């Protein structure tokens, strides 16, 4: 096993054994993450929901169906680690929010693991930032005042980042109100994904 592969295998093992947030989680830790050194597109979402926690498969729910539709890819392509890497802001299910939905991702996770994951995924051409937590963390002061504006101005963050609203079924009202997303943003995203997977993307998008 060469040195780079050694580091990759060690990192995957360390993530799988992570117990940093154990005291704050409703269930025993089960980090849900998927990546390989060959991946071309990184997906940074929020955190696994209950169904994903139970299956251990990222985006194995209605949100995943919607996301794959936005990307224009089937399950086989989506779960091909040489194509897509998936590293949410929080790797473990944070529990349900009494006010509805899930709790925010644990803040310890991304600072602890993302730098190492990006260090092992040097072929990534585009990082999808899904939802407010990923966008705030990675875009910082360059993000707009609202998530809607950030997503609408996605071209400002290319070619490195592509901000997206969360594909949760709970966001159906947002999508109904912001029809430009389905009419303009999604078609552009699908075209870009095809180009990257076929090694045809322009570095100066």
N, C-alpha and C. Protein backbone atom coordinates (compact mmCIF):
# COMPACT_ATOMS: atom_id res chain seq x y z
N UNK A 1 0.85 -1.20 0.00
CA UNK A 1 0.00 0.00 0.00
C UNK A 1 0.88 1.24 0.00
N UNK A 2 0.72 2.16 -0.96
CA UNK A 2 1.59 3.33 -1.00
C UNK A 2 1.17 4.32 0.08
N UNK A 3 2.00 5.36 0.26
CA UNK A 3 1.80 6.30 1.36
C UNK A 3 0.47 7.03 1.28
N UNK A 4 0.08 7.50 0.07
CA UNK A 4 -1.19 8.22 -0.08
C UNK A 4 -2.38 7.34 0.25
N UNK A 5 -2.35 6.11 -0.21
CA UNK A 5 -3.45 5.19 0.08
C UNK A 5 -3.48 4.86 1.57
N UNK A 6 -2.31 4.75 2.17
CA UNK A 6 -2.22 4.53 3.61
C UNK A 6 -2.93 5.64 4.37
N UNK A 7 -2.67 6.88 3.97
CA UNK A 7 -3.27 8.03 4.65
C UNK A 7 -4.78 8.04 4.47
N UNK A 8 -5.24 7.69 3.27
CA UNK A 8 -6.67 7.65 3.00
C UNK A 8 -7.37 6.60 3.86
N UNK A 9 -6.83 5.41 3.89
CA UNK A 9 -7.41 4.32 4.67
C UNK A 9 -7.42 4.67 6.16
N UNK A 10 -6.34 5.27 6.62
CA UNK A 10 -6.25 5.66 8.03
C UNK A 10 -7.30 6.71 8.37
N UNK A 11 -7.49 7.69 7.46
CA UNK A 11 -8.47 8.74 7.70
C UNK A 11 -9.88 8.18 7.77
N UNK A 12 -10.24 7.32 6.84
CA UNK A 12 -11.57 6.70 6.84
C UNK A 12 -11.79 5.95 8.15
N UNK A 13 -10.77 5.24 8.61
CA UNK A 13 -10.86 4.48 9.86
C UNK A 13 -11.04 5.41 11.06
N UNK A 14 -10.29 6.50 11.07
CA UNK A 14 -10.38 7.45 12.19
C UNK A 14 -11.75 8.12 12.24
N UNK A 15 -12.29 8.47 11.09
CA UNK A 15 -13.62 9.09 11.05
C UNK A 15 -14.67 8.10 11.57
N UNK A 16 -14.56 6.86 11.15
CA UNK A 16 -15.51 5.85 11.58
C UNK A 16 -15.50 5.61 13.08
N UNK A 17 -14.37 5.88 13.72
CA UNK A 17 -14.24 5.67 15.16
C UNK A 17 -14.45 6.94 15.97
N UNK A 18 -14.75 8.05 15.30
CA UNK A 18 -14.87 9.33 15.99
C UNK A 18 -15.99 9.31 17.03
N UNK A 19 -15.67 9.80 18.23
CA UNK A 19 -16.65 9.89 19.32
C UNK A 19 -16.66 11.28 19.94
N UNK A 20 -16.17 12.27 19.20
CA UNK A 20 -16.05 13.62 19.73
C UNK A 20 -17.36 14.17 20.28
N UNK A 21 -18.46 13.92 19.58
CA UNK A 21 -19.76 14.51 19.95
C UNK A 21 -20.68 13.54 20.68
N UNK A 22 -20.15 12.43 21.11
CA UNK A 22 -20.97 11.36 21.69
C UNK A 22 -21.93 11.86 22.77
N UNK A 23 -21.44 12.73 23.63
CA UNK A 23 -22.25 13.20 24.77
C UNK A 23 -23.44 14.05 24.33
N UNK A 24 -23.40 14.56 23.09
CA UNK A 24 -24.45 15.47 22.63
C UNK A 24 -25.44 14.81 21.68
N UNK A 25 -25.20 13.55 21.32
CA UNK A 25 -26.02 12.88 20.31
C UNK A 25 -27.10 12.00 20.94
N UNK A 26 -28.25 11.85 20.28
CA UNK A 26 -29.33 11.03 20.82
C UNK A 26 -29.08 9.54 20.65
N UNK A 27 -28.17 9.18 19.74
CA UNK A 27 -27.84 7.78 19.46
C UNK A 27 -26.33 7.61 19.49
N UNK A 28 -25.86 6.37 19.57
CA UNK A 28 -24.41 6.15 19.46
C UNK A 28 -23.90 6.73 18.14
N UNK A 29 -22.72 7.34 18.14
CA UNK A 29 -22.19 7.96 16.91
C UNK A 29 -22.12 6.96 15.75
N UNK A 30 -22.55 7.44 14.57
CA UNK A 30 -22.42 6.65 13.35
C UNK A 30 -22.11 7.64 12.22
N UNK A 31 -20.86 8.02 12.08
CA UNK A 31 -20.49 9.00 11.04
C UNK A 31 -20.88 8.51 9.65
N UNK A 32 -21.58 9.36 8.93
CA UNK A 32 -22.00 9.03 7.56
C UNK A 32 -21.26 9.96 6.60
N UNK A 33 -20.28 9.41 5.90
CA UNK A 33 -19.44 10.18 5.00
C UNK A 33 -18.96 9.25 3.90
N UNK A 34 -18.71 9.80 2.72
CA UNK A 34 -18.31 8.96 1.58
C UNK A 34 -17.38 9.77 0.68
N UNK A 35 -16.15 9.30 0.50
CA UNK A 35 -15.22 10.02 -0.37
C UNK A 35 -14.07 9.11 -0.79
N UNK A 36 -13.42 9.52 -1.87
CA UNK A 36 -12.22 8.83 -2.33
C UNK A 36 -11.29 9.86 -2.97
N UNK A 37 -10.02 9.55 -3.11
CA UNK A 37 -9.08 10.51 -3.72
C UNK A 37 -9.43 10.87 -5.16
N UNK A 38 -10.24 10.06 -5.83
CA UNK A 38 -10.57 10.32 -7.24
C UNK A 38 -11.80 11.19 -7.43
N UNK A 39 -12.53 11.48 -6.36
CA UNK A 39 -13.79 12.22 -6.47
C UNK A 39 -13.62 13.56 -7.18
N UNK A 40 -14.60 13.92 -8.00
CA UNK A 40 -14.55 15.15 -8.78
C UNK A 40 -15.46 16.25 -8.22
N UNK A 41 -16.50 15.84 -7.48
CA UNK A 41 -17.48 16.79 -6.95
C UNK A 41 -17.68 16.50 -5.47
N UNK A 42 -17.56 17.53 -4.63
CA UNK A 42 -17.77 17.39 -3.20
C UNK A 42 -19.15 17.93 -2.84
N UNK A 43 -19.89 17.19 -2.02
CA UNK A 43 -21.20 17.62 -1.54
C UNK A 43 -21.11 17.85 -0.04
N UNK A 44 -21.34 19.08 0.38
CA UNK A 44 -21.34 19.39 1.81
C UNK A 44 -22.74 19.83 2.19
N UNK A 45 -23.43 18.95 2.88
CA UNK A 45 -24.79 19.23 3.31
C UNK A 45 -24.83 19.61 4.78
N UNK A 46 -25.92 19.28 5.41
CA UNK A 46 -26.12 19.67 6.80
C UNK A 46 -25.67 18.55 7.74
N UNK A 47 -26.50 17.55 7.94
CA UNK A 47 -26.18 16.39 8.77
C UNK A 47 -27.16 15.29 8.43
N UNK A 48 -26.82 14.04 8.69
CA UNK A 48 -27.74 12.95 8.38
C UNK A 48 -29.05 13.09 9.15
N UNK A 49 -30.15 12.74 8.50
CA UNK A 49 -31.42 12.65 9.19
C UNK A 49 -31.56 11.28 9.84
N UNK A 50 -32.69 11.02 10.46
CA UNK A 50 -32.88 9.76 11.16
C UNK A 50 -32.78 8.55 10.22
N UNK A 51 -33.39 8.65 9.04
CA UNK A 51 -33.37 7.53 8.10
C UNK A 51 -31.96 7.24 7.61
N UNK A 52 -31.20 8.30 7.33
CA UNK A 52 -29.82 8.11 6.89
C UNK A 52 -28.97 7.53 8.02
N UNK A 53 -29.21 7.97 9.23
CA UNK A 53 -28.50 7.41 10.38
C UNK A 53 -28.73 5.90 10.48
N UNK A 54 -29.97 5.50 10.28
CA UNK A 54 -30.31 4.08 10.41
C UNK A 54 -29.68 3.24 9.31
N UNK A 55 -29.61 3.78 8.09
CA UNK A 55 -29.08 3.01 6.96
C UNK A 55 -27.57 3.16 6.80
N UNK A 56 -27.03 4.29 7.26
CA UNK A 56 -25.61 4.56 7.07
C UNK A 56 -25.27 4.99 5.65
N UNK A 57 -26.30 5.26 4.84
CA UNK A 57 -26.09 5.65 3.44
C UNK A 57 -26.47 7.12 3.29
N UNK A 58 -25.54 7.98 2.87
CA UNK A 58 -25.85 9.42 2.76
C UNK A 58 -26.94 9.72 1.74
N UNK A 59 -27.80 10.64 2.08
CA UNK A 59 -28.88 11.09 1.20
C UNK A 59 -29.76 9.91 0.74
N UNK A 60 -29.93 8.95 1.61
CA UNK A 60 -30.79 7.81 1.32
C UNK A 60 -32.21 8.11 1.81
N UNK A 61 -32.79 9.20 1.29
CA UNK A 61 -34.10 9.65 1.74
C UNK A 61 -34.71 10.55 0.67
N UNK A 62 -35.81 11.20 1.00
CA UNK A 62 -36.48 12.06 0.03
C UNK A 62 -35.59 13.23 -0.40
N UNK A 63 -34.81 13.74 0.55
CA UNK A 63 -33.89 14.82 0.20
C UNK A 63 -32.89 14.36 -0.86
N UNK A 64 -32.43 13.14 -0.71
CA UNK A 64 -31.49 12.58 -1.68
C UNK A 64 -32.11 12.43 -3.06
N UNK A 65 -33.37 12.02 -3.10
CA UNK A 65 -34.06 11.89 -4.39
C UNK A 65 -34.14 13.24 -5.10
N UNK A 66 -34.47 14.27 -4.31
CA UNK A 66 -34.56 15.61 -4.89
C UNK A 66 -33.19 16.10 -5.35
N UNK A 67 -32.17 15.88 -4.53
CA UNK A 67 -30.83 16.32 -4.89
C UNK A 67 -30.34 15.65 -6.16
N UNK A 68 -30.55 14.35 -6.27
CA UNK A 68 -30.12 13.63 -7.48
C UNK A 68 -30.88 14.14 -8.72
N UNK A 69 -32.13 14.53 -8.52
CA UNK A 69 -32.89 15.11 -9.62
C UNK A 69 -32.29 16.45 -10.04
N UNK A 70 -31.92 17.27 -9.06
CA UNK A 70 -31.28 18.55 -9.37
C UNK A 70 -29.98 18.34 -10.14
N UNK A 71 -29.23 17.34 -9.74
CA UNK A 71 -27.92 17.08 -10.35
C UNK A 71 -28.04 16.37 -11.70
N UNK A 72 -29.19 15.73 -11.92
CA UNK A 72 -29.39 14.99 -13.16
C UNK A 72 -28.61 13.69 -13.21
N UNK A 73 -28.44 13.04 -12.04
CA UNK A 73 -27.69 11.78 -12.00
C UNK A 73 -28.52 10.68 -11.35
N UNK A 74 -28.20 9.44 -11.69
CA UNK A 74 -28.90 8.31 -11.07
C UNK A 74 -28.14 7.87 -9.81
N UNK A 75 -28.69 6.90 -9.10
CA UNK A 75 -28.09 6.46 -7.85
C UNK A 75 -26.69 5.88 -8.04
N UNK A 76 -26.52 5.10 -9.10
CA UNK A 76 -25.21 4.49 -9.33
C UNK A 76 -24.13 5.55 -9.49
N UNK A 77 -24.44 6.60 -10.22
CA UNK A 77 -23.48 7.69 -10.41
C UNK A 77 -23.26 8.46 -9.12
N UNK A 78 -24.35 8.73 -8.43
CA UNK A 78 -24.29 9.52 -7.19
C UNK A 78 -23.44 8.85 -6.13
N UNK A 79 -23.56 7.53 -6.02
CA UNK A 79 -22.83 6.81 -4.98
C UNK A 79 -21.48 6.25 -5.46
N UNK A 80 -21.07 6.64 -6.65
CA UNK A 80 -19.75 6.27 -7.15
C UNK A 80 -18.73 7.23 -6.52
N UNK A 81 -17.92 6.74 -5.61
CA UNK A 81 -17.01 7.61 -4.87
C UNK A 81 -15.90 8.18 -5.74
N UNK A 82 -15.71 7.66 -6.94
CA UNK A 82 -14.74 8.27 -7.85
C UNK A 82 -15.33 9.50 -8.53
N UNK A 83 -16.63 9.69 -8.36
CA UNK A 83 -17.32 10.84 -8.95
C UNK A 83 -17.75 11.85 -7.89
N UNK A 84 -18.46 11.37 -6.86
CA UNK A 84 -18.97 12.27 -5.82
C UNK A 84 -18.40 11.91 -4.45
N UNK A 85 -18.00 12.95 -3.72
CA UNK A 85 -17.65 12.81 -2.31
C UNK A 85 -18.74 13.50 -1.49
N UNK A 86 -19.06 12.93 -0.34
CA UNK A 86 -20.12 13.48 0.49
C UNK A 86 -19.59 13.64 1.91
N UNK A 87 -19.49 14.88 2.36
CA UNK A 87 -18.96 15.16 3.70
C UNK A 87 -19.78 16.29 4.31
N UNK A 88 -20.86 15.98 5.02
CA UNK A 88 -21.73 17.02 5.58
C UNK A 88 -21.03 17.83 6.67
N UNK A 89 -21.68 18.89 7.09
CA UNK A 89 -21.12 19.71 8.17
C UNK A 89 -21.06 18.93 9.48
N UNK A 90 -22.00 18.04 9.67
CA UNK A 90 -21.98 17.13 10.81
C UNK A 90 -22.16 15.72 10.29
N UNK A 91 -21.33 14.79 10.71
CA UNK A 91 -21.36 13.43 10.16
C UNK A 91 -22.40 12.53 10.83
N UNK A 92 -22.87 12.93 12.01
CA UNK A 92 -23.81 12.09 12.76
C UNK A 92 -25.16 12.78 12.92
N UNK A 93 -26.20 11.98 13.03
CA UNK A 93 -27.55 12.50 13.24
C UNK A 93 -27.60 13.27 14.55
N UNK A 94 -27.95 14.57 14.53
CA UNK A 94 -27.91 15.39 15.74
C UNK A 94 -29.14 15.28 16.62
N UNK A 95 -30.19 14.64 16.12
CA UNK A 95 -31.43 14.53 16.87
C UNK A 95 -32.49 15.48 16.32
N UNK A 96 -33.71 15.30 16.77
CA UNK A 96 -34.82 16.11 16.27
C UNK A 96 -34.97 17.38 17.09
N UNK A 97 -35.43 18.41 16.41
CA UNK A 97 -35.67 19.70 17.05
C UNK A 97 -37.12 19.73 17.53
N UNK A 98 -37.37 20.03 18.80
CA UNK A 98 -38.76 20.10 19.29
C UNK A 98 -39.63 21.06 18.49
N UNK A 99 -38.99 22.05 17.84
CA UNK A 99 -39.74 23.03 17.06
C UNK A 99 -40.01 22.56 15.64
N UNK A 100 -39.47 21.38 15.29
CA UNK A 100 -39.67 20.84 13.95
C UNK A 100 -38.35 20.63 13.24
N UNK A 101 -38.29 19.58 12.41
CA UNK A 101 -37.06 19.28 11.69
C UNK A 101 -36.00 18.70 12.61
N UNK A 102 -34.76 18.75 12.17
CA UNK A 102 -33.64 18.23 12.96
C UNK A 102 -32.85 19.37 13.59
N UNK A 103 -32.10 19.03 14.61
CA UNK A 103 -31.21 20.01 15.23
C UNK A 103 -30.07 20.36 14.27
N UNK A 104 -29.38 21.48 14.49
CA UNK A 104 -28.25 21.85 13.64
C UNK A 104 -27.13 20.81 13.74
N UNK A 105 -26.27 20.74 12.73
CA UNK A 105 -25.13 19.82 12.81
C UNK A 105 -24.22 20.24 13.96
N UNK A 106 -23.57 19.28 14.57
CA UNK A 106 -22.63 19.59 15.64
C UNK A 106 -21.49 20.46 15.10
N UNK A 107 -21.12 21.52 15.81
CA UNK A 107 -20.10 22.45 15.30
C UNK A 107 -18.68 21.89 15.35
N UNK A 108 -18.46 20.80 16.07
CA UNK A 108 -17.11 20.26 16.20
C UNK A 108 -16.65 19.51 14.95
N UNK A 109 -17.59 19.04 14.16
CA UNK A 109 -17.29 18.06 13.12
C UNK A 109 -16.48 18.62 11.95
N UNK A 110 -16.99 19.66 11.32
CA UNK A 110 -16.31 20.20 10.13
C UNK A 110 -14.89 20.66 10.40
N UNK A 111 -14.63 21.44 11.47
CA UNK A 111 -13.24 21.85 11.73
C UNK A 111 -12.31 20.66 12.00
N UNK A 112 -12.86 19.61 12.59
CA UNK A 112 -12.03 18.47 12.93
C UNK A 112 -11.67 17.62 11.71
N UNK A 113 -12.61 17.45 10.77
CA UNK A 113 -12.41 16.48 9.71
C UNK A 113 -12.32 17.03 8.29
N UNK A 114 -12.97 18.13 7.99
CA UNK A 114 -12.99 18.62 6.61
C UNK A 114 -11.61 18.91 6.03
N UNK A 115 -10.70 19.56 6.77
CA UNK A 115 -9.37 19.81 6.19
C UNK A 115 -8.67 18.52 5.75
N UNK A 116 -8.78 17.48 6.54
CA UNK A 116 -8.14 16.20 6.19
C UNK A 116 -8.81 15.57 4.98
N UNK A 117 -10.13 15.67 4.90
CA UNK A 117 -10.86 15.10 3.77
C UNK A 117 -10.49 15.84 2.48
N UNK A 118 -10.47 17.17 2.53
CA UNK A 118 -10.07 17.93 1.34
C UNK A 118 -8.62 17.64 0.97
N UNK A 119 -7.81 17.33 1.97
CA UNK A 119 -6.43 16.96 1.69
C UNK A 119 -6.30 15.64 0.94
N UNK A 120 -7.34 14.82 1.03
CA UNK A 120 -7.34 13.52 0.36
C UNK A 120 -8.19 13.52 -0.91
N UNK A 121 -8.76 14.66 -1.25
CA UNK A 121 -9.64 14.74 -2.43
C UNK A 121 -9.18 15.87 -3.35
N UNK A 122 -7.95 15.78 -3.77
CA UNK A 122 -7.35 16.83 -4.57
C UNK A 122 -7.88 16.96 -5.98
N UNK A 123 -8.69 16.00 -6.42
CA UNK A 123 -9.26 16.07 -7.78
C UNK A 123 -10.62 16.77 -7.83
N UNK A 124 -11.12 17.23 -6.68
CA UNK A 124 -12.43 17.88 -6.63
C UNK A 124 -12.39 19.19 -7.43
N UNK A 125 -13.32 19.33 -8.37
CA UNK A 125 -13.42 20.50 -9.22
C UNK A 125 -14.52 21.46 -8.76
N UNK A 126 -15.49 20.94 -8.00
CA UNK A 126 -16.62 21.76 -7.57
C UNK A 126 -17.13 21.26 -6.23
N UNK A 127 -17.44 22.19 -5.34
CA UNK A 127 -18.00 21.84 -4.04
C UNK A 127 -19.39 22.43 -3.91
N UNK A 128 -20.38 21.57 -3.74
CA UNK A 128 -21.76 22.01 -3.55
C UNK A 128 -21.98 22.32 -2.08
N UNK A 129 -22.41 23.54 -1.79
CA UNK A 129 -22.68 23.97 -0.42
C UNK A 129 -24.18 24.00 -0.22
N UNK A 130 -24.69 22.98 0.47
CA UNK A 130 -26.13 22.81 0.60
C UNK A 130 -26.63 23.32 1.95
N UNK A 131 -27.38 24.41 1.92
CA UNK A 131 -27.97 24.94 3.13
C UNK A 131 -27.11 26.00 3.82
N UNK A 132 -27.70 26.63 4.81
CA UNK A 132 -27.09 27.79 5.46
C UNK A 132 -25.82 27.46 6.23
N UNK A 133 -25.73 26.28 6.85
CA UNK A 133 -24.56 25.98 7.66
C UNK A 133 -23.31 25.83 6.81
N UNK A 134 -23.41 25.11 5.70
CA UNK A 134 -22.27 24.94 4.81
C UNK A 134 -21.88 26.26 4.17
N UNK A 135 -22.88 27.05 3.79
CA UNK A 135 -22.59 28.32 3.13
C UNK A 135 -21.94 29.32 4.08
N UNK A 136 -22.43 29.38 5.30
CA UNK A 136 -21.85 30.31 6.27
C UNK A 136 -20.41 29.92 6.59
N UNK A 137 -20.16 28.63 6.69
CA UNK A 137 -18.83 28.14 7.05
C UNK A 137 -17.81 28.38 5.94
N UNK A 138 -18.21 28.11 4.69
CA UNK A 138 -17.27 28.18 3.58
C UNK A 138 -17.27 29.51 2.82
N UNK A 139 -18.37 30.20 2.82
CA UNK A 139 -18.41 31.48 2.10
C UNK A 139 -18.11 32.67 2.99
N UNK A 140 -18.36 32.52 4.29
CA UNK A 140 -18.05 33.58 5.22
C UNK A 140 -18.69 34.90 4.83
N UNK A 141 -17.88 35.95 4.83
CA UNK A 141 -18.39 37.30 4.54
C UNK A 141 -18.77 37.49 3.08
N UNK A 142 -18.38 36.56 2.22
CA UNK A 142 -18.76 36.70 0.80
C UNK A 142 -20.19 36.23 0.55
N UNK A 143 -20.80 35.57 1.54
CA UNK A 143 -22.19 35.18 1.41
C UNK A 143 -23.10 36.39 1.48
N UNK A 144 -24.29 36.28 0.89
CA UNK A 144 -25.25 37.39 0.90
C UNK A 144 -26.00 37.43 2.23
N UNK A 145 -26.89 38.41 2.35
CA UNK A 145 -27.63 38.59 3.60
C UNK A 145 -28.59 37.44 3.86
N UNK A 146 -29.08 36.83 2.79
CA UNK A 146 -30.01 35.71 2.95
C UNK A 146 -29.54 34.53 2.12
N UNK A 147 -30.00 33.35 2.52
CA UNK A 147 -29.67 32.15 1.76
C UNK A 147 -30.21 32.26 0.34
N UNK A 148 -31.40 32.81 0.19
CA UNK A 148 -32.00 32.95 -1.14
C UNK A 148 -31.11 33.77 -2.06
N UNK A 149 -30.59 34.88 -1.57
CA UNK A 149 -29.72 35.72 -2.39
C UNK A 149 -28.42 35.02 -2.72
N UNK A 150 -27.89 34.29 -1.75
CA UNK A 150 -26.63 33.56 -1.99
C UNK A 150 -26.83 32.53 -3.09
N UNK A 151 -27.92 31.77 -3.01
CA UNK A 151 -28.20 30.76 -4.03
C UNK A 151 -28.45 31.40 -5.38
N UNK A 152 -29.17 32.52 -5.37
CA UNK A 152 -29.49 33.19 -6.63
C UNK A 152 -28.25 33.74 -7.32
N UNK A 153 -27.25 34.12 -6.54
CA UNK A 153 -26.01 34.68 -7.10
C UNK A 153 -24.91 33.63 -7.16
N UNK A 154 -25.27 32.40 -7.42
CA UNK A 154 -24.32 31.29 -7.41
C UNK A 154 -23.12 31.49 -8.32
N UNK A 155 -23.31 32.22 -9.42
CA UNK A 155 -22.21 32.40 -10.38
C UNK A 155 -21.02 33.13 -9.76
N UNK A 156 -21.28 33.92 -8.73
CA UNK A 156 -20.20 34.66 -8.07
C UNK A 156 -19.20 33.72 -7.38
N UNK A 157 -19.65 32.50 -7.07
CA UNK A 157 -18.81 31.60 -6.29
C UNK A 157 -18.15 30.51 -7.14
N UNK A 158 -18.48 30.49 -8.41
CA UNK A 158 -17.86 29.55 -9.32
C UNK A 158 -16.44 30.02 -9.65
N UNK A 159 -15.52 29.11 -9.98
CA UNK A 159 -15.75 27.67 -10.22
C UNK A 159 -15.60 26.79 -8.99
N UNK A 160 -15.27 27.39 -7.83
CA UNK A 160 -14.98 26.56 -6.65
C UNK A 160 -16.23 26.05 -5.96
N UNK A 161 -17.18 26.95 -5.71
CA UNK A 161 -18.37 26.59 -4.94
C UNK A 161 -19.65 26.79 -5.75
N UNK A 162 -20.69 26.02 -5.35
CA UNK A 162 -22.02 26.20 -5.93
C UNK A 162 -23.01 26.09 -4.77
N UNK A 163 -23.54 27.23 -4.28
CA UNK A 163 -24.48 27.19 -3.16
C UNK A 163 -25.88 26.73 -3.60
N UNK A 164 -26.48 25.90 -2.77
CA UNK A 164 -27.81 25.38 -3.06
C UNK A 164 -28.69 25.45 -1.81
N UNK A 165 -29.98 25.57 -2.03
CA UNK A 165 -30.93 25.41 -0.94
C UNK A 165 -30.97 23.94 -0.56
N UNK A 166 -31.35 23.63 0.67
CA UNK A 166 -31.43 22.23 1.07
C UNK A 166 -32.58 21.54 0.33
N UNK A 167 -32.37 20.32 -0.17
CA UNK A 167 -33.41 19.63 -0.93
C UNK A 167 -34.48 18.97 -0.08
N UNK A 168 -34.57 19.34 1.18
CA UNK A 168 -35.56 18.77 2.08
C UNK A 168 -36.98 19.02 1.58
N UNK A 169 -37.88 18.05 1.77
CA UNK A 169 -39.29 18.26 1.42
C UNK A 169 -39.90 19.46 2.15
N UNK A 170 -39.28 19.85 3.28
CA UNK A 170 -39.79 20.99 4.05
C UNK A 170 -39.60 22.31 3.30
N UNK A 171 -38.77 22.29 2.26
CA UNK A 171 -38.50 23.52 1.51
C UNK A 171 -39.36 23.68 0.27
N UNK A 172 -40.46 22.96 0.19
CA UNK A 172 -41.30 23.03 -1.01
C UNK A 172 -41.88 24.43 -1.19
N UNK A 173 -42.18 25.13 -0.10
CA UNK A 173 -42.72 26.49 -0.22
C UNK A 173 -41.67 27.43 -0.81
N UNK A 174 -40.41 27.24 -0.39
CA UNK A 174 -39.33 28.08 -0.93
C UNK A 174 -39.22 27.88 -2.43
N UNK A 175 -39.27 26.63 -2.87
CA UNK A 175 -39.14 26.35 -4.29
C UNK A 175 -40.33 26.89 -5.08
N UNK A 176 -41.52 26.81 -4.48
CA UNK A 176 -42.70 27.33 -5.16
C UNK A 176 -42.63 28.85 -5.31
N UNK A 177 -42.05 29.50 -4.32
CA UNK A 177 -41.94 30.95 -4.34
C UNK A 177 -40.82 31.44 -5.25
N UNK A 178 -39.73 30.66 -5.30
CA UNK A 178 -38.55 31.05 -6.08
C UNK A 178 -38.44 30.18 -7.33
N UNK A 179 -39.32 30.43 -8.28
CA UNK A 179 -39.39 29.57 -9.48
C UNK A 179 -38.14 29.66 -10.34
N UNK A 180 -37.36 30.73 -10.20
CA UNK A 180 -36.11 30.87 -10.96
C UNK A 180 -35.15 29.72 -10.67
N UNK A 181 -35.26 29.13 -9.47
CA UNK A 181 -34.34 28.06 -9.11
C UNK A 181 -34.50 26.86 -10.04
N UNK A 182 -35.74 26.39 -10.21
CA UNK A 182 -36.01 25.25 -11.08
C UNK A 182 -35.85 25.62 -12.55
N UNK A 183 -36.19 26.87 -12.89
CA UNK A 183 -36.18 27.29 -14.29
C UNK A 183 -34.78 27.61 -14.81
N UNK A 184 -33.93 28.14 -13.95
CA UNK A 184 -32.63 28.62 -14.41
C UNK A 184 -31.45 27.93 -13.73
N UNK A 185 -31.49 27.84 -12.40
CA UNK A 185 -30.33 27.32 -11.66
C UNK A 185 -30.12 25.84 -11.88
N UNK A 186 -31.19 25.05 -11.76
CA UNK A 186 -31.07 23.60 -11.89
C UNK A 186 -30.55 23.19 -13.28
N UNK A 187 -31.10 23.73 -14.37
CA UNK A 187 -30.55 23.37 -15.68
C UNK A 187 -29.07 23.70 -15.83
N UNK A 188 -28.65 24.85 -15.31
CA UNK A 188 -27.23 25.21 -15.37
C UNK A 188 -26.40 24.22 -14.57
N UNK A 189 -26.89 23.86 -13.37
CA UNK A 189 -26.18 22.91 -12.51
C UNK A 189 -26.03 21.56 -13.20
N UNK A 190 -27.10 21.06 -13.80
CA UNK A 190 -27.04 19.77 -14.48
C UNK A 190 -25.99 19.77 -15.59
N UNK A 191 -25.98 20.85 -16.35
CA UNK A 191 -25.01 20.96 -17.45
C UNK A 191 -23.59 20.99 -16.92
N UNK A 192 -23.39 21.69 -15.81
CA UNK A 192 -22.07 21.78 -15.20
C UNK A 192 -21.61 20.43 -14.67
N UNK A 193 -22.53 19.70 -14.04
CA UNK A 193 -22.20 18.38 -13.50
C UNK A 193 -21.74 17.45 -14.62
N UNK A 194 -22.46 17.45 -15.72
CA UNK A 194 -22.09 16.61 -16.87
C UNK A 194 -20.69 16.96 -17.34
N UNK A 195 -20.40 18.24 -17.47
CA UNK A 195 -19.09 18.67 -17.95
C UNK A 195 -17.97 18.22 -17.01
N UNK A 196 -18.20 18.36 -15.71
CA UNK A 196 -17.17 17.96 -14.74
C UNK A 196 -16.94 16.46 -14.77
N UNK A 197 -18.02 15.70 -14.79
CA UNK A 197 -17.88 14.24 -14.80
C UNK A 197 -17.22 13.74 -16.08
N UNK A 198 -17.38 14.52 -17.16
CA UNK A 198 -16.76 14.16 -18.45
C UNK A 198 -15.44 14.87 -18.68
N UNK A 199 -14.95 15.54 -17.63
CA UNK A 199 -13.68 16.27 -17.71
C UNK A 199 -13.70 17.36 -18.78
N UNK A 200 -14.85 18.03 -18.90
CA UNK A 200 -14.99 19.07 -19.93
C UNK A 200 -15.24 20.45 -19.34
N UNK A 201 -15.18 20.58 -18.02
CA UNK A 201 -15.52 21.85 -17.39
C UNK A 201 -14.47 22.90 -17.65
N UNK A 202 -14.91 24.14 -17.87
CA UNK A 202 -14.02 25.28 -18.05
C UNK A 202 -13.57 25.76 -16.68
N UNK A 203 -12.29 25.88 -16.46
CA UNK A 203 -11.74 26.32 -15.18
C UNK A 203 -12.16 27.75 -14.84
N UNK A 204 -12.57 28.53 -15.84
CA UNK A 204 -12.88 29.94 -15.62
C UNK A 204 -14.36 30.24 -15.72
N UNK A 205 -15.19 29.34 -15.20
CA UNK A 205 -16.64 29.54 -15.25
C UNK A 205 -17.03 30.85 -14.58
